[in-house]
Amino acid sequence: MLRATLALALLASPLAAQDRVVVVGGGLAEIIYALGQEHRLVGRDTTASFPPEVEELPDVGYMRALSPEGLLALDPDLILASEGAGPAETVQIMQAASVPFVQITDDPSPAAVLERVMTIAGHLDAGAQGEALVAQLEGEFAALRTEAEAVSAPKRVMFVLSAQGGRINAAGRDTGASTMIELAGGANAFDDFAGYRLLSDEAITAAAPDVILMMDRGGDHAISDAEILAHPALGLTPAAETGAVIRMNGIYLLGFGPRTAQAAQDLHRALYPDQHKGG
């Protein structure tokens, strides 16, 4: 069904193959590389950091702080941008410009990953590569579901976005982090609110997460294991007591590109190591 949809998307595409493409969105850049179309790229935004060679391309700035001048300076034939790109004023100007500015869904779900592949393949005249990549990803997501469904008692996972000043910002439902936790066979410890929220110490203690999940990064938003143990609420959680802290690369965990199933499987195996002993 998805491959048939891809064929329709290719037929409906209003654009011929484009030779000078700017991509805005790390996951979109990964898809272009996975399709073997990286030779078309002439620029990327700051969030595009994988594969490493993408960082050799000119940087048009952070995806939510783009300028029309920065985008057009690279003389692109096509700009592929995540729906999350901005600000709104830049998007409006680019939509009125002569260069095609294509916004692509940034929904954090397996179905949206496949949709992004289909859309990008259509605009890059890469139908055969798109069909092959969709088939590969369908298989990876199916294998992931099999592993996740084998979990009898899902662990409660708390995704910590930041801990600046000791204030814990965590993921609720309808977030990329929550989707990844569920794909990996876990349960989001904070499914009673949507989006990201600063939590009270009482809320953290009451949620009693079995595992703390974080992006592996430095700077003001980082938090060390020692700081977790010393935190008045995090230090009292079952996760802290057992040392169940998982750190993953941010673009790998939350990029929702062609590595999504692989990232979720890595998270699953970190959550349930006993399930894979000897495997």
Protein backbone atom coordinates (compact mmCIF):
# COMPACT_ATOMS: atom_id res chain seq x y z
CA MET A 1 0.00 0.00 0.00
CA LEU A 2 2.76 2.45 0.92
CA ARG A 3 4.70 1.67 -2.25
CA ALA A 4 1.56 2.28 -4.30
CA THR A 5 1.14 5.59 -2.52
CA LEU A 6 4.75 6.43 -3.36
CA ALA A 7 4.06 5.82 -7.06
CA LEU A 8 1.11 8.18 -6.91
CA ALA A 9 3.21 10.79 -5.12
CA LEU A 10 5.84 10.61 -7.85
CA LEU A 11 3.26 11.05 -10.58
CA ALA A 12 1.69 13.99 -8.76
CA SER A 13 4.97 15.79 -8.09
CA PRO A 14 4.94 19.22 -9.78
CA LEU A 15 8.75 19.43 -9.89
CA ALA A 16 11.33 17.89 -12.14
CA ALA A 17 14.62 16.76 -10.66
CA GLN A 18 16.37 19.65 -8.95
CA ASP A 19 20.15 20.03 -9.01
CA ARG A 20 20.65 22.68 -6.32
CA VAL A 21 18.77 21.77 -3.16
CA VAL A 22 18.85 23.36 0.28
CA VAL A 23 17.54 21.18 3.10
CA VAL A 24 16.18 22.46 6.41
CA GLY A 25 15.78 19.70 8.98
CA GLY A 26 18.21 17.06 10.17
CA GLY A 27 15.86 14.15 9.48
CA LEU A 28 15.20 15.40 5.94
CA ALA A 29 18.92 15.61 5.25
CA GLU A 30 19.34 12.01 6.40
CA ILE A 31 16.61 10.90 4.01
CA ILE A 32 18.29 12.63 1.09
CA TYR A 33 21.53 10.80 1.88
CA ALA A 34 19.69 7.50 2.32
CA LEU A 35 18.17 8.01 -1.13
CA GLY A 36 21.65 8.54 -2.60
CA GLN A 37 20.76 12.08 -3.67
CA GLU A 38 23.27 14.00 -1.58
CA HIS A 39 25.04 15.26 -4.73
CA ARG A 40 22.09 17.66 -5.18
CA LEU A 41 22.64 19.42 -1.87
CA VAL A 42 24.20 22.88 -1.81
CA GLY A 43 23.21 23.89 1.72
CA ARG A 44 21.71 22.73 4.99
CA ASP A 45 20.57 24.13 8.33
CA THR A 46 22.35 23.70 11.65
CA THR A 47 20.23 20.70 12.72
CA ALA A 48 21.58 18.64 9.81
CA SER A 49 24.59 16.89 11.33
CA PHE A 50 24.36 13.29 10.08
CA PRO A 51 26.01 11.78 8.20
CA PRO A 52 29.10 13.78 9.24
CA GLU A 53 29.88 14.89 5.69
CA VAL A 54 26.69 16.96 5.57
CA GLU A 55 28.41 19.43 7.88
CA GLU A 56 30.79 20.31 5.05
CA LEU A 57 27.90 22.05 3.27
CA PRO A 58 27.19 25.77 3.75
CA ASP A 59 25.06 26.39 6.85
CA VAL A 60 21.98 28.62 6.42
CA GLY A 61 21.42 28.88 10.20
CA TYR A 62 19.13 27.34 12.77
CA MET A 63 15.90 25.99 11.30
CA ARG A 64 13.67 28.19 13.46
CA ALA A 65 15.67 31.36 12.82
CA LEU A 66 16.09 31.37 9.04
CA SER A 67 16.46 34.42 6.85
CA PRO A 68 15.35 34.67 3.20
CA GLU A 69 18.72 36.15 2.30
CA GLY A 70 20.59 33.20 3.78
CA LEU A 71 18.46 30.70 1.87
CA LEU A 72 18.54 32.50 -1.47
CA ALA A 73 22.26 33.29 -1.31
CA LEU A 74 22.96 29.67 -2.31
CA ASP A 75 20.97 30.07 -5.55
CA PRO A 76 18.84 26.95 -4.94
CA ASP A 77 16.44 25.32 -7.40
CA LEU A 78 14.49 23.84 -4.49
CA ILE A 79 14.24 24.24 -0.73
CA LEU A 80 12.97 21.26 1.28
CA ALA A 81 12.01 22.40 4.78
CA SER A 82 10.46 20.82 7.81
CA GLU A 83 7.10 22.25 8.83
CA GLY A 84 8.81 23.37 12.01
CA ALA A 85 11.06 25.78 10.09
CA GLY A 86 10.66 29.48 10.72
CA PRO A 87 10.13 32.19 11.65
CA ALA A 88 6.71 32.65 10.05
CA GLU A 89 7.81 35.86 8.28
CA THR A 90 10.61 34.01 6.47
CA VAL A 91 8.29 31.18 5.47
CA GLN A 92 5.78 33.66 4.04
CA ILE A 93 8.47 35.42 2.02
CA MET A 94 9.85 32.15 0.69
CA GLN A 95 6.41 30.89 -0.28
CA ALA A 96 6.01 34.01 -2.43
CA ALA A 97 9.48 33.70 -3.98
CA SER A 98 10.24 32.12 -7.35
CA VAL A 99 12.23 29.26 -5.78
CA PRO A 100 10.00 26.31 -4.81
CA PHE A 101 9.79 26.15 -1.01
CA VAL A 102 8.37 22.76 -0.01
CA GLN A 103 7.28 22.21 3.57
CA ILE A 104 7.36 18.60 4.73
CA THR A 105 5.48 17.14 7.67
CA ASP A 106 7.46 16.96 10.90
CA ASP A 107 5.01 14.65 12.66
CA PRO A 108 6.98 12.28 14.92
CA SER A 109 5.60 8.93 13.84
CA PRO A 110 6.68 5.94 11.72
CA ALA A 111 3.96 6.70 9.16
CA ALA A 112 5.25 10.25 8.81
CA VAL A 113 8.81 9.00 8.31
CA LEU A 114 7.61 6.94 5.35
CA GLU A 115 5.59 9.89 4.07
CA ARG A 116 8.69 12.09 4.21
CA VAL A 117 10.64 9.54 2.19
CA MET A 118 7.89 9.43 -0.43
CA THR A 119 7.62 13.19 -0.66
CA ILE A 120 11.35 13.81 -0.95
CA ALA A 121 11.82 10.98 -3.46
CA GLY A 122 9.08 12.51 -5.58
CA HIS A 123 10.68 15.96 -5.65
CA LEU A 124 14.12 14.55 -6.41
CA ASP A 125 12.94 12.22 -9.19
CA ALA A 126 14.25 9.27 -7.18
CA GLY A 127 11.31 6.90 -7.43
CA ALA A 128 13.19 3.60 -7.45
CA GLN A 129 15.36 4.67 -4.52
CA GLY A 130 12.31 5.85 -2.63
CA GLU A 131 10.48 2.57 -3.11
CA ALA A 132 13.53 0.61 -1.94
CA LEU A 133 13.97 2.79 1.15
CA VAL A 134 10.28 2.57 2.07
CA ALA A 135 10.41 -1.22 1.80
CA GLN A 136 13.52 -1.32 4.00
CA LEU A 137 11.97 0.92 6.65
CA GLU A 138 8.70 -1.01 6.65
CA GLY A 139 10.68 -4.14 7.46
CA GLU A 140 12.63 -2.41 10.22
CA PHE A 141 9.48 -1.05 11.86
CA ALA A 142 7.82 -4.47 11.66
CA ALA A 143 10.80 -6.10 13.39
CA LEU A 144 10.75 -3.37 16.03
CA ARG A 145 7.06 -3.99 16.74
CA THR A 146 7.77 -7.68 17.25
CA GLU A 147 10.45 -6.90 19.85
CA ALA A 148 8.34 -4.26 21.62
CA GLU A 149 5.28 -6.51 21.79
CA ALA A 150 7.35 -9.16 23.59
CA VAL A 151 7.62 -6.85 26.62
CA SER A 152 5.29 -8.08 29.36
CA ALA A 153 5.79 -5.23 31.85
CA PRO A 154 6.67 -1.92 30.17
CA LYS A 155 9.10 0.24 32.09
CA ARG A 156 8.07 3.77 33.00
CA VAL A 157 10.44 6.14 31.23
CA MET A 158 10.98 9.83 31.96
CA PHE A 159 12.54 11.86 29.16
CA VAL A 160 14.42 14.86 30.54
CA LEU A 161 14.78 17.60 27.93
CA SER A 162 16.74 19.94 30.18
CA ALA A 163 17.65 20.55 33.79
CA GLN A 164 18.82 24.13 33.74
CA GLY A 165 19.03 25.60 37.22
CA GLY A 166 17.74 22.35 38.68
CA ARG A 167 14.36 22.82 36.95
CA ILE A 168 13.40 19.61 35.18
CA ASN A 169 11.74 19.97 31.78
CA ALA A 170 10.24 16.63 30.76
CA ALA A 171 8.28 15.18 27.86
CA GLY A 172 4.58 14.49 28.04
CA ARG A 173 2.43 12.81 25.41
CA ASP A 174 2.31 13.95 21.76
CA THR A 175 6.06 14.50 21.65
CA GLY A 176 8.81 12.84 19.67
CA ALA A 177 10.34 11.54 22.88
CA SER A 178 7.06 9.93 23.93
CA THR A 179 6.72 8.28 20.51
CA MET A 180 10.22 6.83 20.75
CA ILE A 181 9.60 5.52 24.25
CA GLU A 182 6.45 3.76 23.06
CA LEU A 183 8.15 2.38 19.92
CA ALA A 184 10.82 0.91 22.19
CA GLY A 185 8.22 -0.88 24.30
CA GLY A 186 8.27 1.54 27.22
CA ALA A 187 5.61 3.75 28.81
CA ASN A 188 5.98 7.50 29.15
CA ALA A 189 5.98 8.28 32.88
CA PHE A 190 4.22 11.59 32.14
CA ASP A 191 1.29 10.90 29.83
CA ASP A 192 -1.12 13.16 31.74
CA PHE A 193 -0.08 16.29 29.81
CA ALA A 194 0.91 17.12 26.23
CA GLY A 195 4.17 18.64 25.07
CA TYR A 196 7.04 19.58 27.35
CA ARG A 197 6.61 20.97 30.85
CA LEU A 198 8.65 22.12 33.83
CA LEU A 199 7.85 19.68 36.62
CA SER A 200 7.51 20.12 40.32
CA ASP A 201 9.53 17.88 42.62
CA GLU A 202 6.27 16.35 43.82
CA ALA A 203 5.25 15.39 40.28
CA ILE A 204 8.59 13.73 39.62
CA THR A 205 8.49 11.75 42.84
CA ALA A 206 4.88 10.67 42.25
CA ALA A 207 5.63 9.49 38.70
CA ALA A 208 8.38 7.18 40.01
CA PRO A 209 10.06 6.50 36.67
CA ASP A 210 12.00 3.27 36.29
CA VAL A 211 14.34 4.84 33.74
CA ILE A 212 15.59 8.36 33.02
CA LEU A 213 16.24 9.06 29.33
CA MET A 214 18.23 12.07 28.16
CA MET A 215 20.05 13.42 25.14
CA ASP A 216 23.80 12.99 25.38
CA ARG A 217 24.94 16.59 25.25
CA GLY A 218 26.86 19.23 27.15
CA GLY A 219 26.22 22.84 28.03
CA ASP A 220 23.69 24.43 30.35
CA HIS A 221 20.99 21.86 29.56
CA ALA A 222 23.11 18.86 30.51
CA ILE A 223 22.85 17.00 33.79
CA SER A 224 25.41 14.53 35.12
CA ASP A 225 24.70 11.31 36.97
CA ALA A 226 25.97 12.97 40.15
CA GLU A 227 23.52 15.84 39.69
CA ILE A 228 20.68 13.36 39.15
CA LEU A 229 21.49 11.60 42.39
CA ALA A 230 21.76 14.92 44.23
CA HIS A 231 18.50 16.32 42.84
CA PRO A 232 15.81 16.41 45.58
CA ALA A 233 13.27 14.62 43.38
CA LEU A 234 15.22 12.73 40.71
CA GLY A 235 17.45 11.23 43.39
CA LEU A 236 14.41 9.57 44.99
CA THR A 237 13.16 7.85 41.84
CA PRO A 238 13.57 4.12 41.20
CA ALA A 239 15.65 5.10 38.15
CA ALA A 240 18.22 6.91 40.26
CA GLU A 241 18.27 4.18 42.89
CA THR A 242 19.16 1.53 40.29
CA GLY A 243 21.32 3.79 38.10
CA ALA A 244 18.94 3.34 35.15
CA VAL A 245 19.98 6.38 33.13
CA ILE A 246 20.10 6.16 29.34
CA ARG A 247 21.75 8.81 27.19
CA MET A 248 21.38 8.96 23.41
CA ASN A 249 22.45 11.32 20.67
CA GLY A 250 19.67 13.86 20.16
CA ILE A 251 19.40 13.83 16.36
CA TYR A 252 19.58 10.01 16.40
CA LEU A 253 16.85 9.68 19.01
CA LEU A 254 14.54 12.47 17.86
CA GLY A 255 15.44 13.14 14.22
CA PHE A 256 12.68 10.88 12.82
CA GLY A 257 14.60 10.17 9.67
CA PRO A 258 15.64 6.82 8.17
CA ARG A 259 17.42 5.75 11.40
CA THR A 260 14.25 5.96 13.52
CA ALA A 261 13.59 2.23 13.82
CA GLN A 262 17.27 1.58 14.56
CA ALA A 263 17.27 4.24 17.29
CA ALA A 264 14.09 2.84 18.84
CA GLN A 265 15.55 -0.65 18.77
CA ASP A 266 18.72 0.58 20.51
CA LEU A 267 16.54 2.23 23.14
CA HIS A 268 14.48 -0.96 23.51
CA ARG A 269 17.61 -3.02 24.10
CA ALA A 270 18.90 -0.52 26.63
CA LEU A 271 15.57 -0.66 28.46
CA TYR A 272 15.34 -4.46 28.44
CA PRO A 273 18.89 -5.87 28.35
CA ASP A 274 17.78 -9.17 29.87
CA GLN A 275 15.51 -9.81 26.90
CA HIS A 276 18.54 -9.88 24.62
CA LYS A 277 21.17 -11.68 26.67
CA GLY A 278 23.15 -13.98 24.47
CA GLY A 279 21.60 -12.45 21.35
